[in-house]
N, C-alpha and C. Protein backbone atom coordinates (compact mmCIF):
# COMPACT_ATOMS: atom_id res chain seq x y z
N MET A 1 99.51 83.83 117.28
CA MET A 1 99.02 83.84 116.01
C MET A 1 98.96 85.19 115.64
N THR A 2 98.78 85.68 116.03
CA THR A 2 97.97 87.82 115.82
C THR A 2 99.16 88.05 115.18
N LEU A 3 101.06 87.58 115.63
CA LEU A 3 102.32 86.94 114.97
C LEU A 3 102.27 86.85 113.22
N ILE A 4 101.17 86.31 113.87
CA ILE A 4 101.17 85.55 111.57
C ILE A 4 100.53 86.66 111.01
N TYR A 5 99.95 86.61 111.66
CA TYR A 5 99.21 87.11 110.73
C TYR A 5 99.74 89.11 110.09
N VAL A 6 100.39 89.36 111.16
CA VAL A 6 100.33 90.94 110.96
C VAL A 6 102.27 90.10 109.71
N SER A 7 102.60 89.12 110.11
CA SER A 7 103.90 89.23 109.51
C SER A 7 103.34 88.24 107.70
N VAL A 8 103.04 87.98 107.83
CA VAL A 8 102.29 87.68 106.20
C VAL A 8 101.66 88.83 106.02
N ALA A 9 100.79 90.14 106.60
CA ALA A 9 100.59 91.16 105.86
C ALA A 9 101.91 91.85 105.68
N TRP A 10 103.06 91.83 106.20
CA TRP A 10 104.75 92.95 105.75
C TRP A 10 104.74 92.20 104.24
N VAL A 11 105.33 90.71 104.48
CA VAL A 11 105.44 89.94 102.97
C VAL A 11 104.92 90.54 102.07
N ALA A 12 103.24 90.85 102.92
CA ALA A 12 102.62 90.38 101.59
C ALA A 12 103.01 91.95 100.83
N GLY A 13 102.84 93.25 101.57
CA GLY A 13 103.00 94.27 101.22
C GLY A 13 104.37 94.66 100.73
N VAL A 14 105.25 93.75 100.92
CA VAL A 14 106.60 93.85 99.77
C VAL A 14 106.52 93.08 98.77
N TYR A 15 106.24 92.35 98.94
CA TYR A 15 106.05 91.56 97.76
C TYR A 15 104.91 92.62 97.23
N VAL A 16 104.09 93.39 97.27
CA VAL A 16 103.20 93.42 96.32
C VAL A 16 103.45 94.89 95.24
N SER A 17 103.91 95.78 96.83
CA SER A 17 105.43 97.06 96.25
C SER A 17 106.63 96.81 94.68
N PHE A 18 106.80 95.28 94.92
CA PHE A 18 107.83 94.75 93.93
C PHE A 18 106.99 95.24 92.73
N ARG A 19 105.46 93.93 92.94
CA ARG A 19 105.71 93.89 92.01
C ARG A 19 104.01 94.76 91.21
N LEU A 20 103.72 95.68 92.05
CA LEU A 20 102.82 97.34 91.12
C LEU A 20 103.48 98.70 90.66
N SER A 21 104.81 98.27 92.12
CA SER A 21 104.74 99.68 92.66
C SER A 21 103.59 101.29 92.01
N PRO A 22 103.06 101.15 93.00
CA PRO A 22 101.59 102.66 92.97
C PRO A 22 102.22 103.72 93.73
N PRO A 23 102.71 103.95 92.62
CA PRO A 23 102.39 106.00 93.40
C PRO A 23 101.68 106.43 94.23
N TRP A 24 101.09 105.32 94.32
CA TRP A 24 99.44 106.31 95.64
C TRP A 24 99.33 105.46 96.69
N THR A 25 100.92 105.39 96.97
CA THR A 25 100.85 103.75 98.09
C THR A 25 101.13 105.07 99.64
N LEU A 26 101.12 105.70 99.87
CA LEU A 26 101.41 107.17 100.64
C LEU A 26 99.93 107.65 101.01
N PRO A 27 99.51 108.36 100.51
CA PRO A 27 97.41 108.33 100.00
C PRO A 27 97.15 107.20 100.40
N LEU A 28 97.24 106.13 100.33
CA LEU A 28 96.17 105.05 101.38
C LEU A 28 96.92 104.11 102.19
N ALA A 29 97.77 104.37 102.82
CA ALA A 29 98.42 104.02 103.96
C ALA A 29 97.87 104.45 104.77
N LEU A 30 97.79 106.38 104.79
CA LEU A 30 97.67 107.39 105.70
C LEU A 30 95.80 107.11 106.29
N LEU A 31 94.57 106.47 105.06
CA LEU A 31 94.05 106.31 104.49
C LEU A 31 93.55 105.62 105.90
N LEU A 32 94.40 104.20 105.42
CA LEU A 32 94.58 103.22 106.16
C LEU A 32 95.05 102.34 107.83
N ALA A 33 94.99 103.96 108.28
CA ALA A 33 95.71 104.26 109.48
C ALA A 33 94.93 104.44 110.70
N LEU A 34 93.62 105.02 109.40
CA LEU A 34 92.35 104.99 110.06
C LEU A 34 91.86 103.98 110.95
N VAL A 35 92.14 103.30 110.11
CA VAL A 35 91.15 101.93 110.57
C VAL A 35 91.79 101.49 111.93
N PRO A 36 92.47 100.74 112.40
CA PRO A 36 92.35 101.09 113.71
C PRO A 36 92.50 101.65 114.78
N LEU A 37 92.16 103.05 114.29
CA LEU A 37 91.58 104.21 115.50
C LEU A 37 90.28 103.94 115.53
N LEU A 38 90.08 103.41 114.93
CA LEU A 38 88.06 103.48 114.88
C LEU A 38 87.90 102.28 115.26
N ALA A 39 88.61 101.20 115.39
CA ALA A 39 88.29 100.02 116.48
C ALA A 39 88.97 100.23 117.41
N LEU A 40 89.93 100.97 117.63
CA LEU A 40 90.28 101.24 119.59
C LEU A 40 89.21 102.03 119.61
N ALA A 41 88.00 102.83 119.64
CA ALA A 41 86.99 103.95 119.91
C ALA A 41 85.63 103.03 120.17
N ARG A 42 85.35 102.05 119.38
CA ARG A 42 83.94 100.99 119.27
C ARG A 42 85.15 99.57 119.86
N ARG A 43 86.00 99.69 120.60
CA ARG A 43 87.13 98.10 121.34
C ARG A 43 85.77 96.74 120.29
N HIS A 44 86.69 96.49 119.16
CA HIS A 44 86.33 95.45 118.12
C HIS A 44 87.36 95.04 117.85
N THR A 45 88.19 93.65 118.67
CA THR A 45 88.92 93.10 118.03
C THR A 45 89.47 92.80 116.34
N ARG A 46 88.58 92.17 116.59
CA ARG A 46 89.05 91.58 115.35
C ARG A 46 88.88 92.73 113.77
N LEU A 47 88.44 93.75 113.96
CA LEU A 47 88.17 94.64 113.38
C LEU A 47 89.68 95.94 113.43
N LEU A 48 90.16 95.56 114.77
CA LEU A 48 90.82 96.26 115.11
C LEU A 48 92.68 95.42 114.74
N LEU A 49 92.40 93.74 114.52
CA LEU A 49 93.39 92.66 113.87
C LEU A 49 93.50 93.42 112.44
N SER A 50 92.80 93.24 111.35
CA SER A 50 92.30 93.62 110.07
C SER A 50 92.61 95.05 109.89
N GLY A 51 92.51 96.20 111.14
CA GLY A 51 93.62 97.40 110.20
C GLY A 51 95.16 97.48 111.04
N VAL A 52 95.03 96.66 111.95
CA VAL A 52 97.22 96.30 112.72
C VAL A 52 97.24 96.17 110.96
N CYS A 53 97.12 95.12 110.56
CA CYS A 53 97.68 94.34 109.18
C CYS A 53 97.05 95.24 108.19
N LEU A 54 96.24 95.29 107.64
CA LEU A 54 96.15 96.97 106.31
C LEU A 54 97.12 97.74 106.87
N ALA A 55 97.76 97.94 107.39
CA ALA A 55 98.45 99.55 108.03
C ALA A 55 100.32 98.52 107.91
N VAL A 56 100.21 97.42 108.37
CA VAL A 56 100.90 96.27 108.50
C VAL A 56 101.52 96.34 107.48
N PHE A 57 100.55 96.41 105.70
CA PHE A 57 100.57 95.71 104.77
C PHE A 57 101.05 97.16 104.05
N MET A 58 100.55 98.60 104.40
CA MET A 58 100.58 99.29 103.76
C MET A 58 101.82 99.92 104.89
N GLY A 59 102.68 99.56 105.39
CA GLY A 59 103.86 100.34 105.95
C GLY A 59 104.75 99.10 105.26
N GLY A 60 105.21 97.98 104.35
CA GLY A 60 106.21 96.76 104.06
C GLY A 60 105.77 97.71 102.73
N MET A 61 105.02 98.49 101.80
CA MET A 61 105.20 98.82 99.83
C MET A 61 105.48 99.85 100.89
N LEU A 62 105.23 101.06 101.76
CA LEU A 62 106.52 101.90 101.66
C LEU A 62 107.82 101.57 101.94
N ARG A 63 107.54 100.42 103.15
CA ARG A 63 109.00 100.69 102.60
C ARG A 63 110.16 100.18 101.86
N VAL A 64 108.97 99.20 100.81
CA VAL A 64 110.25 99.18 99.84
C VAL A 64 110.03 100.64 98.61
N SER A 65 109.55 101.58 98.56
CA SER A 65 109.29 102.29 98.23
C SER A 65 110.40 103.34 98.36
N ALA A 66 110.48 103.37 99.70
CA ALA A 66 111.47 103.84 100.29
C ALA A 66 112.62 103.93 100.11
N SER A 67 112.96 102.30 99.59
CA SER A 67 114.23 101.63 99.77
C SER A 67 114.12 102.31 98.39
N LEU A 68 114.25 102.67 96.89
CA LEU A 68 114.82 102.07 96.06
C LEU A 68 114.61 104.05 95.64
N PRO A 69 115.79 103.78 94.71
CA PRO A 69 117.23 104.63 94.53
C PRO A 69 116.22 106.09 93.81
N GLY A 70 116.32 106.75 94.01
CA GLY A 70 115.52 107.46 92.58
C GLY A 70 116.05 107.85 91.25
N GLN A 71 115.83 108.35 90.79
CA GLN A 71 116.43 108.42 89.15
C GLN A 71 116.95 110.45 88.92
N GLN A 72 118.06 110.52 88.42
CA GLN A 72 118.02 111.57 88.25
C GLN A 72 118.58 112.00 87.04
N ALA A 73 119.04 113.16 86.07
CA ALA A 73 119.58 113.17 85.42
C ALA A 73 120.09 112.78 84.61
N ASN A 74 121.01 112.73 85.62
CA ASN A 74 122.83 112.63 86.10
C ASN A 74 123.32 111.41 85.93
N ASP A 75 122.34 110.21 86.24
CA ASP A 75 122.53 108.55 86.13
C ASP A 75 122.52 107.55 85.39
N LEU A 76 123.47 106.98 85.71
CA LEU A 76 123.73 106.21 84.56
C LEU A 76 122.67 105.20 83.73
N SER A 77 121.44 104.98 84.80
CA SER A 77 120.73 104.07 83.90
C SER A 77 119.57 105.90 83.31
N SER A 78 119.62 106.66 83.23
CA SER A 78 118.65 107.49 82.43
C SER A 78 119.28 107.32 80.84
N TYR A 79 120.48 106.48 80.82
CA TYR A 79 120.99 106.39 79.27
C TYR A 79 120.03 104.91 78.96
N ASN A 80 119.48 104.07 79.59
CA ASN A 80 118.97 103.09 79.66
C ASN A 80 118.20 102.86 77.90
N GLU A 81 118.32 101.74 77.56
CA GLU A 81 117.81 101.91 75.66
C GLU A 81 117.45 103.16 75.16
N GLN A 82 119.18 103.94 75.17
CA GLN A 82 119.78 105.01 73.71
C GLN A 82 120.85 104.23 72.83
N ALA A 83 121.05 104.88 72.50
CA ALA A 83 122.29 104.81 71.83
C ALA A 83 123.34 105.86 71.94
N VAL A 84 124.69 105.95 72.67
CA VAL A 84 125.35 106.48 72.97
C VAL A 84 126.75 105.96 72.66
N THR A 85 127.09 107.21 71.43
CA THR A 85 128.32 107.45 71.13
C THR A 85 129.75 107.66 71.75
N LEU A 86 130.22 106.60 72.21
CA LEU A 86 131.30 107.39 73.12
C LEU A 86 132.90 107.38 72.40
N ARG A 87 133.67 109.07 72.66
CA ARG A 87 134.56 109.10 71.82
C ARG A 87 135.57 109.18 72.80
């Protein structure tokens, strides 16, 4: 059952990243990575599972944002929504 929770968290992270694309993904992922460490220190299994699911959720979001290409000034996509005259 744990694998199902973790898998759903990954897929949800990927889905949310495609829908929102937040710029604050990395700082939030680092903050949420502390939750499993706190749970290990106190030995709470439910808190550990929820922390791992949150970390995997943020990992899915980071994976999507890392796979998207960055836009540079000389890319063709920088001319989208503009009128261009070719000679």
